[in-house]
Amino acid sequence: MDKNSVKVNIYGSEYVIKGDESAEHIRAIAEYVDLKMKEINKSGLIKSPLKVAILAALNIADEQMKSAIEQKKQIESFDKKTQKLLALIDQLESSETIEEEDSDSEKETISLF
């Protein structure tokens, strides 16, 4: 896949980012990082852009980890529900089979010929 090259501005500095994703995707990520860095240093008290970048990276990593944990919980919940549904289907199939067998045996005992 061809690499896309995109010029972006993050926290007042320009960077050329190359990646396999679309230019729009790369820009969106750069804008997100820029936003996070600006949120970290709203007060302007942190003078080092490196410290701001590290704090932003920690916040982004925290968001990602929380999202992954939540996603795992949802998958586990869906899996449990799916297992319950499959068990119910198995029960229904078993009861239908028993009813069919009972119905067939009733027909045999009622028949006079």
N, C-alpha and C. Protein backbone atom coordinates (compact mmCIF):
# COMPACT_ATOMS: atom_id res chain seq x y z
N MET A 1 0.85 -1.18 0.00
CA MET A 1 0.00 0.00 0.00
C MET A 1 0.89 1.24 0.00
N ASP A 2 0.49 2.23 -0.76
CA ASP A 2 1.25 3.47 -0.82
C ASP A 2 1.08 4.26 0.46
N LYS A 3 2.15 4.88 0.89
CA LYS A 3 2.09 5.71 2.09
C LYS A 3 1.59 7.10 1.71
N ASN A 4 0.70 7.62 2.54
CA ASN A 4 0.23 8.99 2.37
C ASN A 4 1.12 9.91 3.17
N SER A 5 1.40 11.07 2.62
CA SER A 5 2.22 12.07 3.29
C SER A 5 1.33 13.29 3.53
N VAL A 6 1.21 13.67 4.81
CA VAL A 6 0.30 14.76 5.18
C VAL A 6 1.03 15.74 6.09
N LYS A 7 0.89 17.03 5.79
CA LYS A 7 1.46 18.07 6.65
C LYS A 7 0.40 18.44 7.69
N VAL A 8 0.78 18.38 8.97
CA VAL A 8 -0.15 18.70 10.06
C VAL A 8 0.51 19.66 11.03
N ASN A 9 -0.34 20.32 11.82
CA ASN A 9 0.16 21.23 12.85
C ASN A 9 -0.31 20.70 14.20
N ILE A 10 0.64 20.40 15.05
CA ILE A 10 0.33 19.90 16.39
C ILE A 10 1.02 20.80 17.41
N TYR A 11 0.21 21.44 18.22
CA TYR A 11 0.69 22.28 19.32
C TYR A 11 1.69 23.33 18.84
N GLY A 12 1.36 23.92 17.66
CA GLY A 12 2.17 25.02 17.15
C GLY A 12 3.36 24.61 16.30
N SER A 13 3.56 23.33 16.11
CA SER A 13 4.68 22.87 15.28
C SER A 13 4.14 22.08 14.09
N GLU A 14 4.79 22.25 12.94
CA GLU A 14 4.38 21.52 11.75
C GLU A 14 5.18 20.22 11.63
N TYR A 15 4.46 19.20 11.21
CA TYR A 15 5.05 17.87 11.01
C TYR A 15 4.54 17.31 9.70
N VAL A 16 5.37 16.52 9.05
CA VAL A 16 4.93 15.75 7.89
C VAL A 16 4.81 14.31 8.37
N ILE A 17 3.59 13.82 8.30
CA ILE A 17 3.30 12.46 8.78
C ILE A 17 3.08 11.56 7.58
N LYS A 18 3.73 10.42 7.57
CA LYS A 18 3.54 9.43 6.51
C LYS A 18 2.89 8.21 7.12
N GLY A 19 1.88 7.70 6.43
CA GLY A 19 1.21 6.51 6.94
C GLY A 19 0.39 5.82 5.87
N ASP A 20 -0.05 4.61 6.19
CA ASP A 20 -0.85 3.81 5.27
C ASP A 20 -2.31 4.25 5.24
N GLU A 21 -2.74 4.93 6.28
CA GLU A 21 -4.14 5.36 6.36
C GLU A 21 -4.38 6.55 5.43
N SER A 22 -5.66 6.88 5.24
CA SER A 22 -6.01 8.01 4.38
C SER A 22 -5.50 9.32 4.98
N ALA A 23 -5.37 10.32 4.13
CA ALA A 23 -4.92 11.64 4.58
C ALA A 23 -5.90 12.20 5.61
N GLU A 24 -7.20 11.97 5.41
CA GLU A 24 -8.22 12.45 6.35
C GLU A 24 -8.03 11.81 7.72
N HIS A 25 -7.74 10.53 7.72
CA HIS A 25 -7.55 9.81 8.99
C HIS A 25 -6.32 10.35 9.72
N ILE A 26 -5.24 10.55 8.99
CA ILE A 26 -4.01 11.08 9.60
C ILE A 26 -4.26 12.48 10.16
N ARG A 27 -4.96 13.31 9.40
CA ARG A 27 -5.29 14.66 9.89
C ARG A 27 -6.15 14.60 11.15
N ALA A 28 -7.13 13.71 11.16
CA ALA A 28 -8.03 13.59 12.32
C ALA A 28 -7.24 13.18 13.57
N ILE A 29 -6.31 12.28 13.42
CA ILE A 29 -5.48 11.87 14.57
C ILE A 29 -4.62 13.02 15.05
N ALA A 30 -4.01 13.74 14.10
CA ALA A 30 -3.17 14.89 14.47
C ALA A 30 -4.00 15.95 15.18
N GLU A 31 -5.21 16.20 14.70
CA GLU A 31 -6.09 17.17 15.35
C GLU A 31 -6.46 16.72 16.76
N TYR A 32 -6.67 15.42 16.93
CA TYR A 32 -7.01 14.89 18.25
C TYR A 32 -5.84 15.08 19.22
N VAL A 33 -4.64 14.77 18.76
CA VAL A 33 -3.45 14.95 19.61
C VAL A 33 -3.27 16.43 19.95
N ASP A 34 -3.45 17.29 18.96
CA ASP A 34 -3.35 18.74 19.18
C ASP A 34 -4.37 19.19 20.23
N LEU A 35 -5.60 18.73 20.10
CA LEU A 35 -6.65 19.08 21.05
C LEU A 35 -6.30 18.61 22.46
N LYS A 36 -5.82 17.39 22.57
CA LYS A 36 -5.45 16.85 23.89
C LYS A 36 -4.33 17.67 24.51
N MET A 37 -3.34 18.03 23.72
CA MET A 37 -2.23 18.81 24.25
C MET A 37 -2.72 20.18 24.73
N LYS A 38 -3.61 20.79 23.96
CA LYS A 38 -4.16 22.09 24.36
C LYS A 38 -5.02 21.97 25.62
N GLU A 39 -5.76 20.89 25.74
CA GLU A 39 -6.57 20.65 26.95
C GLU A 39 -5.67 20.50 28.18
N ILE A 40 -4.56 19.81 28.01
CA ILE A 40 -3.64 19.57 29.13
C ILE A 40 -3.09 20.91 29.63
N ASN A 41 -2.80 21.78 28.70
CA ASN A 41 -2.13 23.02 29.09
C ASN A 41 -3.03 24.24 28.90
N LYS A 42 -4.30 24.10 29.28
CA LYS A 42 -5.24 25.23 29.19
C LYS A 42 -4.72 26.45 29.96
N SER A 43 -4.15 26.17 31.11
CA SER A 43 -3.70 27.28 31.96
C SER A 43 -2.41 27.91 31.45
N GLY A 44 -1.68 27.20 30.62
CA GLY A 44 -0.41 27.72 30.11
C GLY A 44 0.72 27.63 31.12
N LEU A 45 0.48 26.91 32.22
CA LEU A 45 1.49 26.82 33.27
C LEU A 45 2.64 25.87 32.93
N ILE A 46 2.37 24.88 32.08
CA ILE A 46 3.44 23.93 31.72
C ILE A 46 4.21 24.53 30.54
N LYS A 47 5.46 24.81 30.77
CA LYS A 47 6.27 25.49 29.75
C LYS A 47 6.90 24.53 28.75
N SER A 48 7.09 23.30 29.14
CA SER A 48 7.76 22.34 28.26
C SER A 48 6.76 21.61 27.36
N PRO A 49 6.88 21.79 26.04
CA PRO A 49 6.00 21.05 25.12
C PRO A 49 6.17 19.53 25.27
N LEU A 50 7.38 19.11 25.65
CA LEU A 50 7.61 17.68 25.86
C LEU A 50 6.75 17.16 27.01
N LYS A 51 6.69 17.90 28.12
CA LYS A 51 5.86 17.49 29.25
C LYS A 51 4.39 17.47 28.86
N VAL A 52 3.96 18.46 28.09
CA VAL A 52 2.57 18.50 27.63
C VAL A 52 2.28 17.28 26.75
N ALA A 53 3.22 16.96 25.87
CA ALA A 53 3.04 15.81 24.98
C ALA A 53 2.98 14.51 25.77
N ILE A 54 3.82 14.38 26.79
CA ILE A 54 3.82 13.16 27.61
C ILE A 54 2.51 13.03 28.37
N LEU A 55 2.04 14.12 28.95
CA LEU A 55 0.76 14.09 29.67
C LEU A 55 -0.40 13.78 28.72
N ALA A 56 -0.36 14.35 27.52
CA ALA A 56 -1.40 14.06 26.53
C ALA A 56 -1.35 12.58 26.14
N ALA A 57 -0.15 12.07 25.93
CA ALA A 57 0.01 10.65 25.58
C ALA A 57 -0.54 9.75 26.69
N LEU A 58 -0.28 10.12 27.94
CA LEU A 58 -0.81 9.34 29.06
C LEU A 58 -2.34 9.37 29.09
N ASN A 59 -2.91 10.54 28.84
CA ASN A 59 -4.37 10.66 28.81
C ASN A 59 -4.97 9.84 27.67
N ILE A 60 -4.36 9.90 26.51
CA ILE A 60 -4.84 9.14 25.35
C ILE A 60 -4.71 7.64 25.62
N ALA A 61 -3.60 7.23 26.21
CA ALA A 61 -3.41 5.81 26.55
C ALA A 61 -4.46 5.36 27.57
N ASP A 62 -4.76 6.21 28.54
CA ASP A 62 -5.79 5.90 29.53
C ASP A 62 -7.15 5.71 28.86
N GLU A 63 -7.50 6.62 27.95
CA GLU A 63 -8.76 6.51 27.21
C GLU A 63 -8.82 5.19 26.44
N GLN A 64 -7.72 4.87 25.79
CA GLN A 64 -7.67 3.65 24.97
C GLN A 64 -7.82 2.41 25.85
N MET A 65 -7.14 2.38 26.97
CA MET A 65 -7.22 1.21 27.86
C MET A 65 -8.63 1.06 28.44
N LYS A 66 -9.24 2.16 28.86
CA LYS A 66 -10.61 2.10 29.38
C LYS A 66 -11.57 1.62 28.30
N SER A 67 -11.37 2.09 27.08
CA SER A 67 -12.21 1.68 25.97
C SER A 67 -12.05 0.18 25.69
N ALA A 68 -10.81 -0.31 25.73
CA ALA A 68 -10.55 -1.73 25.49
C ALA A 68 -11.19 -2.59 26.58
N ILE A 69 -11.11 -2.13 27.83
CA ILE A 69 -11.72 -2.87 28.94
C ILE A 69 -13.23 -2.91 28.77
N GLU A 70 -13.83 -1.79 28.43
CA GLU A 70 -15.28 -1.73 28.22
C GLU A 70 -15.70 -2.62 27.05
N GLN A 71 -14.92 -2.60 26.00
CA GLN A 71 -15.21 -3.44 24.84
C GLN A 71 -15.14 -4.92 25.22
N LYS A 72 -14.15 -5.28 26.02
CA LYS A 72 -14.01 -6.67 26.47
C LYS A 72 -15.22 -7.08 27.31
N LYS A 73 -15.67 -6.18 28.20
CA LYS A 73 -16.85 -6.47 29.02
C LYS A 73 -18.08 -6.68 28.14
N GLN A 74 -18.24 -5.83 27.12
CA GLN A 74 -19.39 -5.96 26.22
C GLN A 74 -19.34 -7.28 25.46
N ILE A 75 -18.17 -7.65 24.99
CA ILE A 75 -18.02 -8.91 24.27
C ILE A 75 -18.37 -10.08 25.19
N GLU A 76 -17.89 -10.04 26.44
CA GLU A 76 -18.20 -11.10 27.40
C GLU A 76 -19.70 -11.16 27.67
N SER A 77 -20.34 -9.99 27.79
CA SER A 77 -21.79 -9.94 28.02
C SER A 77 -22.54 -10.53 26.82
N PHE A 78 -22.14 -10.14 25.62
CA PHE A 78 -22.78 -10.69 24.42
C PHE A 78 -22.57 -12.20 24.32
N ASP A 79 -21.39 -12.64 24.70
CA ASP A 79 -21.09 -14.07 24.66
C ASP A 79 -21.99 -14.84 25.63
N LYS A 80 -22.16 -14.31 26.85
CA LYS A 80 -23.06 -14.96 27.83
C LYS A 80 -24.48 -15.01 27.30
N LYS A 81 -24.96 -13.90 26.74
CA LYS A 81 -26.32 -13.86 26.21
C LYS A 81 -26.47 -14.85 25.04
N THR A 82 -25.46 -14.93 24.20
CA THR A 82 -25.49 -15.86 23.07
C THR A 82 -25.56 -17.30 23.58
N GLN A 83 -24.77 -17.61 24.60
CA GLN A 83 -24.79 -18.96 25.17
C GLN A 83 -26.16 -19.29 25.75
N LYS A 84 -26.79 -18.32 26.42
CA LYS A 84 -28.13 -18.54 26.97
C LYS A 84 -29.14 -18.78 25.86
N LEU A 85 -29.04 -17.99 24.79
CA LEU A 85 -29.95 -18.16 23.66
C LEU A 85 -29.76 -19.53 23.00
N LEU A 86 -28.52 -19.94 22.85
CA LEU A 86 -28.26 -21.26 22.26
C LEU A 86 -28.81 -22.38 23.14
N ALA A 87 -28.69 -22.21 24.46
CA ALA A 87 -29.24 -23.21 25.38
C ALA A 87 -30.76 -23.26 25.25
N LEU A 88 -31.40 -22.09 25.14
CA LEU A 88 -32.86 -22.05 24.96
C LEU A 88 -33.27 -22.72 23.65
N ILE A 89 -32.52 -22.45 22.61
CA ILE A 89 -32.81 -23.08 21.31
C ILE A 89 -32.69 -24.59 21.42
N ASP A 90 -31.63 -25.06 22.08
CA ASP A 90 -31.46 -26.50 22.28
C ASP A 90 -32.62 -27.09 23.06
N GLN A 91 -33.07 -26.37 24.11
CA GLN A 91 -34.22 -26.85 24.90
C GLN A 91 -35.47 -26.93 24.03
N LEU A 92 -35.70 -25.90 23.23
CA LEU A 92 -36.87 -25.89 22.35
C LEU A 92 -36.82 -27.03 21.34
N GLU A 93 -35.65 -27.24 20.77
CA GLU A 93 -35.50 -28.34 19.81
C GLU A 93 -35.73 -29.68 20.48
N SER A 94 -35.23 -29.84 21.70
CA SER A 94 -35.42 -31.09 22.44
C SER A 94 -36.89 -31.31 22.77
N SER A 95 -37.57 -30.26 23.21
CA SER A 95 -38.99 -30.41 23.57
C SER A 95 -39.83 -30.68 22.33
N GLU A 96 -39.48 -30.08 21.20
CA GLU A 96 -40.21 -30.34 19.96
C GLU A 96 -40.02 -31.78 19.53
N THR A 97 -38.82 -32.31 19.68
CA THR A 97 -38.54 -33.69 19.33
C THR A 97 -39.34 -34.63 20.21
N ILE A 98 -39.40 -34.33 21.50
CA ILE A 98 -40.17 -35.16 22.43
C ILE A 98 -41.65 -35.09 22.09
N GLU A 99 -42.15 -33.89 21.79
CA GLU A 99 -43.56 -33.74 21.42
C GLU A 99 -43.88 -34.51 20.15
N GLU A 100 -42.97 -34.48 19.19
CA GLU A 100 -43.18 -35.23 17.94
C GLU A 100 -43.21 -36.72 18.22
N GLU A 101 -42.30 -37.19 19.08
CA GLU A 101 -42.28 -38.61 19.42
C GLU A 101 -43.56 -39.00 20.16
N ASP A 102 -44.01 -38.14 21.10
CA ASP A 102 -45.25 -38.40 21.83
C ASP A 102 -46.43 -38.41 20.87
N SER A 103 -46.44 -37.48 19.94
CA SER A 103 -47.53 -37.38 18.97
C SER A 103 -47.56 -38.62 18.08
N ASP A 104 -46.39 -39.09 17.66
CA ASP A 104 -46.30 -40.28 16.83
C ASP A 104 -46.76 -41.51 17.60
N SER A 105 -46.38 -41.62 18.86
CA SER A 105 -46.77 -42.79 19.66
C SER A 105 -48.26 -42.77 19.96
N GLU A 106 -48.83 -41.56 20.14
CA GLU A 106 -50.27 -41.44 20.36
C GLU A 106 -51.03 -41.89 19.12
N LYS A 107 -50.53 -41.53 17.97
CA LYS A 107 -51.19 -41.93 16.73
C LYS A 107 -51.17 -43.45 16.61
N GLU A 108 -50.09 -44.08 17.00
CA GLU A 108 -50.00 -45.52 16.89
C GLU A 108 -50.95 -46.22 17.86
N THR A 109 -51.10 -45.72 19.04
CA THR A 109 -51.97 -46.39 20.01
C THR A 109 -53.44 -46.15 19.70
N ILE A 110 -53.79 -45.06 19.05
CA ILE A 110 -55.17 -44.76 18.74
C ILE A 110 -55.62 -45.51 17.48
N SER A 111 -54.72 -45.77 16.62
CA SER A 111 -55.06 -46.38 15.35
C SER A 111 -55.63 -47.78 15.56
N LEU A 112 -56.72 -48.10 14.88
CA LEU A 112 -57.35 -49.42 14.99
C LEU A 112 -56.88 -50.35 13.89
N PHE A 113 -56.23 -49.88 12.92
CA PHE A 113 -55.81 -50.72 11.80
C PHE A 113 -54.35 -50.98 11.83
